[in-house]
PDB file of N, CA and C in Angstrom:
ATOM      1  N   MET A   1    -114.368-222.766-129.235  1.00  0.00           N
ATOM      2  CA  MET A   1    -113.494-223.923-129.158  1.00  0.00           C
ATOM      3  C   MET A   1    -113.701-224.852-130.355  1.00  0.00           C
ATOM      4  N   SER A   2    -114.948-224.989-130.808  1.00  0.00           N
ATOM      5  CA  SER A   2    -115.207-225.903-131.919  1.00  0.00           C
ATOM      6  C   SER A   2    -114.589-225.399-133.222  1.00  0.00           C
ATOM      7  N   VAL A   3    -114.432-224.083-133.358  1.00  0.00           N
ATOM      8  CA  VAL A   3    -113.784-223.539-134.558  1.00  0.00           C
ATOM      9  C   VAL A   3    -112.308-223.936-134.572  1.00  0.00           C
ATOM     10  N   ILE A   4    -111.671-223.887-133.422  1.00  0.00           N
ATOM     11  CA  ILE A   4    -110.262-224.279-133.321  1.00  0.00           C
ATOM     12  C   ILE A   4    -110.100-225.764-133.639  1.00  0.00           C
ATOM     13  N   ILE A   5    -111.030-226.582-133.161  1.00  0.00           N
ATOM     14  CA  ILE A   5    -110.979-228.019-133.440  1.00  0.00           C
ATOM     15  C   ILE A   5    -111.184-228.284-134.930  1.00  0.00           C
ATOM     16  N   ALA A   6    -112.107-227.569-135.555  1.00  0.00           N
ATOM     17  CA  ALA A   6    -112.337-227.733-136.997  1.00  0.00           C
ATOM     18  C   ALA A   6    -111.104-227.309-137.791  1.00  0.00           C
ATOM     19  N   LEU A   7    -110.467-226.233-137.384  1.00  0.00           N
ATOM     20  CA  LEU A   7    -109.243-225.793-138.059  1.00  0.00           C
ATOM     21  C   LEU A   7    -108.104-226.789-137.857  1.00  0.00           C
ATOM     22  N   ALA A   8    -108.033-227.394-136.670  1.00  0.00           N
ATOM     23  CA  ALA A   8    -107.007-228.406-136.416  1.00  0.00           C
ATOM     24  C   ALA A   8    -107.238-229.646-137.282  1.00  0.00           C
ATOM     25  N   ALA A   9    -108.498-230.042-137.454  1.00  0.00           N
ATOM     26  CA  ALA A   9    -108.808-231.184-138.320  1.00  0.00           C
ATOM     27  C   ALA A   9    -108.455-230.871-139.768  1.00  0.00           C
ATOM     28  N   LEU A  10    -108.728-229.657-140.195  1.00  0.00           N
ATOM     29  CA  LEU A  10    -108.370-229.245-141.549  1.00  0.00           C
ATOM     30  C   LEU A  10    -106.853-229.202-141.723  1.00  0.00           C
ATOM     31  N   ALA A  11    -106.141-228.737-140.704  1.00  0.00           N
ATOM     32  CA  ALA A  11    -104.675-228.709-140.760  1.00  0.00           C
ATOM     33  C   ALA A  11    -104.110-230.128-140.835  1.00  0.00           C
ATOM     34  N   LEU A  12    -104.707-231.068-140.099  1.00  0.00           N
ATOM     35  CA  LEU A  12    -104.277-232.465-140.170  1.00  0.00           C
ATOM     36  C   LEU A  12    -104.501-233.028-141.569  1.00  0.00           C
ATOM     37  N   LEU A  13    -105.629-232.702-142.158  1.00  0.00           N
ATOM     38  CA  LEU A  13    -105.926-233.167-143.512  1.00  0.00           C
ATOM     39  C   LEU A  13    -104.963-232.563-144.531  1.00  0.00           C
ATOM     40  N   MET A  14    -104.645-231.288-144.371  1.00  0.00           N
ATOM     41  CA  MET A  14    -103.696-230.638-145.279  1.00  0.00           C
ATOM     42  C   MET A  14    -102.296-231.227-145.120  1.00  0.00           C
ATOM     43  N   LEU A  15    -101.893-231.515-143.902  1.00  0.00           N
ATOM     44  CA  LEU A  15    -100.586-232.123-143.653  1.00  0.00           C
ATOM     45  C   LEU A  15    -100.501-233.511-144.279  1.00  0.00           C
ATOM     46  N   ALA A  16    -101.571-234.284-144.149  1.00  0.00           N
ATOM     47  CA  ALA A  16    -101.591-235.618-144.752  1.00  0.00           C
ATOM     48  C   ALA A  16    -101.500-235.526-146.270  1.00  0.00           C
ATOM     49  N   ALA A  17    -102.203-234.575-146.861  1.00  0.00           N
ATOM     50  CA  ALA A  17    -102.147-234.401-148.316  1.00  0.00           C
ATOM     51  C   ALA A  17    -100.763-233.932-148.749  1.00  0.00           C
ATOM     52  N   TYR A  18    -100.154-233.052-147.978  1.00  0.00           N
ATOM     53  CA  TYR A  18     -98.817-232.546-148.303  1.00  0.00           C
ATOM     54  C   TYR A  18     -97.778-233.667-148.269  1.00  0.00           C
ATOM     55  N   ARG A  19     -97.942-234.582-147.332  1.00  0.00           N
ATOM     56  CA  ARG A  19     -96.988-235.688-147.214  1.00  0.00           C
ATOM     57  C   ARG A  19     -97.272-236.820-148.196  1.00  0.00           C
ATOM     58  N   GLY A  20     -98.332-236.686-148.982  1.00  0.00           N
ATOM     59  CA  GLY A  20     -98.606-237.662-150.024  1.00  0.00           C
ATOM     60  C   GLY A  20     -99.584-238.754-149.655  1.00  0.00           C
ATOM     61  N   TYR A  21    -100.218-238.649-148.495  1.00  0.00           N
ATOM     62  CA  TYR A  21    -101.207-239.647-148.107  1.00  0.00           C
ATOM     63  C   TYR A  21    -102.538-239.355-148.792  1.00  0.00           C
ATOM     64  N   SER A  22    -103.366-240.363-148.888  1.00  0.00           N
ATOM     65  CA  SER A  22    -104.652-240.235-149.565  1.00  0.00           C
ATOM     66  C   SER A  22    -105.618-239.378-148.745  1.00  0.00           C
ATOM     67  N   VAL A  23    -106.144-238.349-149.371  1.00  0.00           N
ATOM     68  CA  VAL A  23    -107.122-237.486-148.704  1.00  0.00           C
ATOM     69  C   VAL A  23    -108.423-238.249-148.488  1.00  0.00           C
ATOM     70  N   ILE A  24    -108.731-239.171-149.385  1.00  0.00           N
ATOM     71  CA  ILE A  24    -109.948-239.972-149.261  1.00  0.00           C
ATOM     72  C   ILE A  24    -109.908-240.810-147.984  1.00  0.00           C
ATOM     73  N   LEU A  25    -108.735-241.263-147.590  1.00  0.00           N
ATOM     74  CA  LEU A  25    -108.621-242.043-146.364  1.00  0.00           C
ATOM     75  C   LEU A  25    -108.517-241.170-145.117  1.00  0.00           C
ATOM     76  N   PHE A  26    -107.854-240.028-145.225  1.00  0.00           N
ATOM     77  CA  PHE A  26    -107.639-239.198-144.052  1.00  0.00           C
ATOM     78  C   PHE A  26    -108.791-238.251-143.739  1.00  0.00           C
ATOM     79  N   ALA A  27    -109.674-237.987-144.688  1.00  0.00           N
ATOM     80  CA  ALA A  27    -110.819-237.111-144.421  1.00  0.00           C
ATOM     81  C   ALA A  27    -111.736-237.689-143.345  1.00  0.00           C
ATOM     82  N   PRO A  28    -112.107-238.974-143.402  1.00  0.00           N
ATOM     83  CA  PRO A  28    -112.930-239.506-142.312  1.00  0.00           C
ATOM     84  C   PRO A  28    -112.211-239.532-140.971  1.00  0.00           C
ATOM     85  N   ILE A  29    -110.902-239.742-140.992  1.00  0.00           N
ATOM     86  CA  ILE A  29    -110.147-239.764-139.736  1.00  0.00           C
ATOM     87  C   ILE A  29    -110.128-238.376-139.102  1.00  0.00           C
ATOM     88  N   ALA A  30    -109.892-237.349-139.915  1.00  0.00           N
ATOM     89  CA  ALA A  30    -109.892-235.977-139.399  1.00  0.00           C
ATOM     90  C   ALA A  30    -111.283-235.580-138.916  1.00  0.00           C
ATOM     91  N   ALA A  31    -112.311-235.975-139.656  1.00  0.00           N
ATOM     92  CA  ALA A  31    -113.681-235.656-139.242  1.00  0.00           C
ATOM     93  C   ALA A  31    -114.051-236.398-137.964  1.00  0.00           C
ATOM     94  N   LEU A  32    -113.625-237.641-137.846  1.00  0.00           N
ATOM     95  CA  LEU A  32    -113.886-238.412-136.632  1.00  0.00           C
ATOM     96  C   LEU A  32    -113.243-237.751-135.423  1.00  0.00           C
ATOM     97  N   GLY A  33    -112.010-237.301-135.575  1.00  0.00           N
ATOM     98  CA  GLY A  33    -111.342-236.609-134.473  1.00  0.00           C
ATOM     99  C   GLY A  33    -112.040-235.325-134.088  1.00  0.00           C
ATOM    100  N   ALA A  34    -112.499-234.558-135.071  1.00  0.00           N
ATOM    101  CA  ALA A  34    -113.187-233.301-134.779  1.00  0.00           C
ATOM    102  C   ALA A  34    -114.513-233.548-134.072  1.00  0.00           C
ATOM    103  N   VAL A  35    -115.278-234.512-134.551  1.00  0.00           N
ATOM    104  CA  VAL A  35    -116.568-234.812-133.916  1.00  0.00           C
ATOM    105  C   VAL A  35    -116.350-235.397-132.533  1.00  0.00           C
ATOM    106  N   LEU A  36    -115.342-236.233-132.388  1.00  0.00           N
ATOM    107  CA  LEU A  36    -115.056-236.844-131.090  1.00  0.00           C
ATOM    108  C   LEU A  36    -114.672-235.799-130.045  1.00  0.00           C
ATOM    109  N   LEU A  37    -113.942-234.776-130.456  1.00  0.00           N
ATOM    110  CA  LEU A  37    -113.532-233.739-129.512  1.00  0.00           C
ATOM    111  C   LEU A  37    -114.642-232.740-129.203  1.00  0.00           C
ATOM    112  N   THR A  38    -115.552-232.499-130.138  1.00  0.00           N
ATOM    113  CA  THR A  38    -116.620-231.528-129.882  1.00  0.00           C
ATOM    114  C   THR A  38    -117.832-232.156-129.215  1.00  0.00           C
ATOM    115  N   ASP A  39    -118.295-233.310-129.722  1.00  0.00           N
ATOM    116  CA  ASP A  39    -119.477-233.966-129.155  1.00  0.00           C
ATOM    117  C   ASP A  39    -119.323-235.476-129.318  1.00  0.00           C
ATOM    118  N   PRO A  40    -118.743-236.159-128.327  1.00  0.00           N
ATOM    119  CA  PRO A  40    -118.482-237.598-128.475  1.00  0.00           C
ATOM    120  C   PRO A  40    -119.735-238.439-128.716  1.00  0.00           C
ATOM    121  N   GLY A  41    -120.886-237.975-128.267  1.00  0.00           N
ATOM    122  CA  GLY A  41    -122.117-238.730-128.475  1.00  0.00           C
ATOM    123  C   GLY A  41    -122.626-238.693-129.900  1.00  0.00           C
ATOM    124  N   ALA A  42    -122.113-237.792-130.699  1.00  0.00           N
ATOM    125  CA  ALA A  42    -122.590-237.637-132.077  1.00  0.00           C
ATOM    126  C   ALA A  42    -121.705-238.341-133.097  1.00  0.00           C
ATOM    127  N   VAL A  43    -120.746-239.135-132.645  1.00  0.00           N
ATOM    128  CA  VAL A  43    -119.841-239.795-133.587  1.00  0.00           C
ATOM    129  C   VAL A  43    -120.601-240.775-134.477  1.00  0.00           C
ATOM    130  N   GLY A  44    -121.429-241.606-133.899  1.00  0.00           N
ATOM    131  CA  GLY A  44    -122.190-242.587-134.680  1.00  0.00           C
ATOM    132  C   GLY A  44    -123.123-241.949-135.692  1.00  0.00           C
ATOM    133  N   PRO A  45    -124.022-241.061-135.253  1.00  0.00           N
ATOM    134  CA  PRO A  45    -124.933-240.432-136.223  1.00  0.00           C
ATOM    135  C   PRO A  45    -124.224-239.589-137.282  1.00  0.00           C
ATOM    136  N   ALA A  46    -123.118-238.971-136.933  1.00  0.00           N
ATOM    137  CA  ALA A  46    -122.410-238.137-137.910  1.00  0.00           C
ATOM    138  C   ALA A  46    -121.808-238.985-139.024  1.00  0.00           C
ATOM    139  N   PHE A  47    -121.323-240.177-138.686  1.00  0.00           N
ATOM    140  CA  PHE A  47    -120.695-241.006-139.707  1.00  0.00           C
ATOM    141  C   PHE A  47    -121.677-241.857-140.485  1.00  0.00           C
ATOM    142  N   THR A  48    -122.757-242.300-139.857  1.00  0.00           N
ATOM    143  CA  THR A  48    -123.721-243.104-140.609  1.00  0.00           C
ATOM    144  C   THR A  48    -124.669-242.233-141.407  1.00  0.00           C
ATOM    145  N   GLY A  49    -124.830-240.996-141.018  1.00  0.00           N
ATOM    146  CA  GLY A  49    -125.769-240.122-141.709  1.00  0.00           C
ATOM    147  C   GLY A  49    -125.094-239.127-142.609  1.00  0.00           C
ATOM    148  N   LEU A  50    -124.763-238.012-142.061  1.00  0.00           N
ATOM    149  CA  LEU A  50    -124.336-236.851-142.843  1.00  0.00           C
ATOM    150  C   LEU A  50    -123.019-237.063-143.589  1.00  0.00           C
ATOM    151  N   PHE A  51    -121.970-237.438-142.898  1.00  0.00           N
ATOM    152  CA  PHE A  51    -120.637-237.461-143.515  1.00  0.00           C
ATOM    153  C   PHE A  51    -120.528-238.496-144.626  1.00  0.00           C
ATOM    154  N   MET A  52    -120.941-239.712-144.359  1.00  0.00           N
ATOM    155  CA  MET A  52    -120.766-240.770-145.351  1.00  0.00           C
ATOM    156  C   MET A  52    -121.650-240.562-146.573  1.00  0.00           C
ATOM    157  N   GLU A  53    -122.861-240.029-146.384  1.00  0.00           N
ATOM    158  CA  GLU A  53    -123.718-239.745-147.540  1.00  0.00           C
ATOM    159  C   GLU A  53    -123.069-238.708-148.450  1.00  0.00           C
ATOM    160  N   LYS A  54    -122.515-237.668-147.858  1.00  0.00           N
ATOM    161  CA  LYS A  54    -121.863-236.625-148.658  1.00  0.00           C
ATOM    162  C   LYS A  54    -120.574-237.133-149.291  1.00  0.00           C
ATOM    163  N   MET A  55    -119.825-237.966-148.574  1.00  0.00           N
ATOM    164  CA  MET A  55    -118.579-238.489-149.127  1.00  0.00           C
ATOM    165  C   MET A  55    -118.854-239.440-150.292  1.00  0.00           C
ATOM    166  N   VAL A  56    -119.876-240.268-150.160  1.00  0.00           N
ATOM    167  CA  VAL A  56    -120.233-241.176-151.255  1.00  0.00           C
ATOM    168  C   VAL A  56    -120.651-240.381-152.486  1.00  0.00           C
ATOM    169  N   GLY A  57    -121.404-239.308-152.290  1.00  0.00           N
ATOM    170  CA  GLY A  57    -121.788-238.457-153.417  1.00  0.00           C
ATOM    171  C   GLY A  57    -120.584-237.822-154.091  1.00  0.00           C
ATOM    172  N   PHE A  58    -119.622-237.387-153.296  1.00  0.00           N
ATOM    173  CA  PHE A  58    -118.409-236.775-153.836  1.00  0.00           C
ATOM    174  C   PHE A  58    -117.589-237.781-154.636  1.00  0.00           C
ATOM    175  N   VAL A  59    -117.371-238.956-154.071  1.00  0.00           N
ATOM    176  CA  VAL A  59    -116.581-239.976-154.761  1.00  0.00           C
ATOM    177  C   VAL A  59    -117.297-240.438-156.023  1.00  0.00           C
ATOM    178  N   LYS A  60    -118.614-240.566-155.951  1.00  0.00           N
ATOM    179  CA  LYS A  60    -119.394-240.971-157.129  1.00  0.00           C
ATOM    180  C   LYS A  60    -119.291-239.932-158.241  1.00  0.00           C
ATOM    181  N   LEU A  61    -119.309-238.671-157.871  1.00  0.00           N
ATOM    182  CA  LEU A  61    -119.240-237.599-158.856  1.00  0.00           C
ATOM    183  C   LEU A  61    -117.864-237.519-159.516  1.00  0.00           C
ATOM    184  N   TYR A  62    -116.818-237.699-158.730  1.00  0.00           N
ATOM    185  CA  TYR A  62    -115.454-237.538-159.235  1.00  0.00           C
ATOM    186  C   TYR A  62    -114.705-238.858-159.414  1.00  0.00           C
ATOM    187  N   PHE A  63    -115.411-239.978-159.491  1.00  0.00           N
ATOM    188  CA  PHE A  63    -114.760-241.280-159.628  1.00  0.00           C
ATOM    189  C   PHE A  63    -113.866-241.381-160.861  1.00  0.00           C
ATOM    190  N   PRO A  64    -114.294-240.887-162.032  1.00  0.00           N
ATOM    191  CA  PRO A  64    -113.381-240.963-163.185  1.00  0.00           C
ATOM    192  C   PRO A  64    -112.066-240.212-162.955  1.00  0.00           C
ATOM    193  N   VAL A  65    -112.113-239.114-162.242  1.00  0.00           N
ATOM    194  CA  VAL A  65    -110.890-238.360-161.954  1.00  0.00           C
ATOM    195  C   VAL A  65    -109.964-239.186-161.069  1.00  0.00           C
ATOM    196  N   PHE A  66    -110.525-239.833-160.042  1.00  0.00           N
ATOM    197  CA  PHE A  66    -109.708-240.664-159.165  1.00  0.00           C
ATOM    198  C   PHE A  66    -109.134-241.852-159.924  1.00  0.00           C
ATOM    199  N   LEU A  67    -109.933-242.456-160.782  1.00  0.00           N
ATOM    200  CA  LEU A  67    -109.489-243.620-161.530  1.00  0.00           C
ATOM    201  C   LEU A  67    -108.392-243.256-162.523  1.00  0.00           C
ATOM    202  N   LEU A  68    -108.564-242.167-163.254  1.00  0.00           N
ATOM    203  CA  LEU A  68    -107.565-241.767-164.238  1.00  0.00           C
ATOM    204  C   LEU A  68    -106.300-241.232-163.583  1.00  0.00           C
ATOM    205  N   ALA A  69    -106.416-240.572-162.454  1.00  0.00           N
ATOM    206  CA  ALA A  69    -105.238-240.035-161.771  1.00  0.00           C
ATOM    207  C   ALA A  69    -104.358-241.160-161.248  1.00  0.00           C
ATOM    208  N   ARG A  70    -104.960-242.256-160.875  1.00  0.00           N
ATOM    209  CA  ARG A  70    -104.183-243.376-160.359  1.00  0.00           C
ATOM    210  C   ARG A  70    -103.293-243.978-161.441  1.00  0.00           C
ATOM    211  N   TYR A  71    -103.765-244.049-162.663  1.00  0.00           N
ATOM    212  CA  TYR A  71    -103.011-244.702-163.724  1.00  0.00           C
ATOM    213  C   TYR A  71    -102.219-243.736-164.597  1.00  0.00           C
ATOM    214  N   SER A  72    -102.445-242.450-164.449  1.00  0.00           N
ATOM    215  CA  SER A  72    -101.709-241.507-165.295  1.00  0.00           C
ATOM    216  C   SER A  72    -100.351-241.141-164.708  1.00  0.00           C
ATOM    217  N   ALA A  73    -100.185-241.244-163.398  1.00  0.00           N
ATOM    218  CA  ALA A  73     -98.896-240.912-162.773  1.00  0.00           C
ATOM    219  C   ALA A  73     -97.932-242.082-162.960  1.00  0.00           C
ATOM    220  N   SER A  74     -96.710-241.769-163.365  1.00  0.00           N
ATOM    221  CA  SER A  74     -95.753-242.860-163.538  1.00  0.00           C
ATOM    222  C   SER A  74     -94.555-242.682-162.665  1.00  0.00           C
TER     223      SER A  74
END
């Protein structure tokens, strides 16, 4: 069941990206939904520990790409 929930969260993220919404904003929402459906008690530790640490590392690594992409599209 958790594999189906993970695939549904990924499908939601892909749909949001396809419609032009920010993946940076929708990734935590999709992850929150997946964690909430699989183990509601782990929502707090998952977001304060694992997910946010990895997301901050990702944004820090690719920040110039995000910054330049915002101003290069006209």
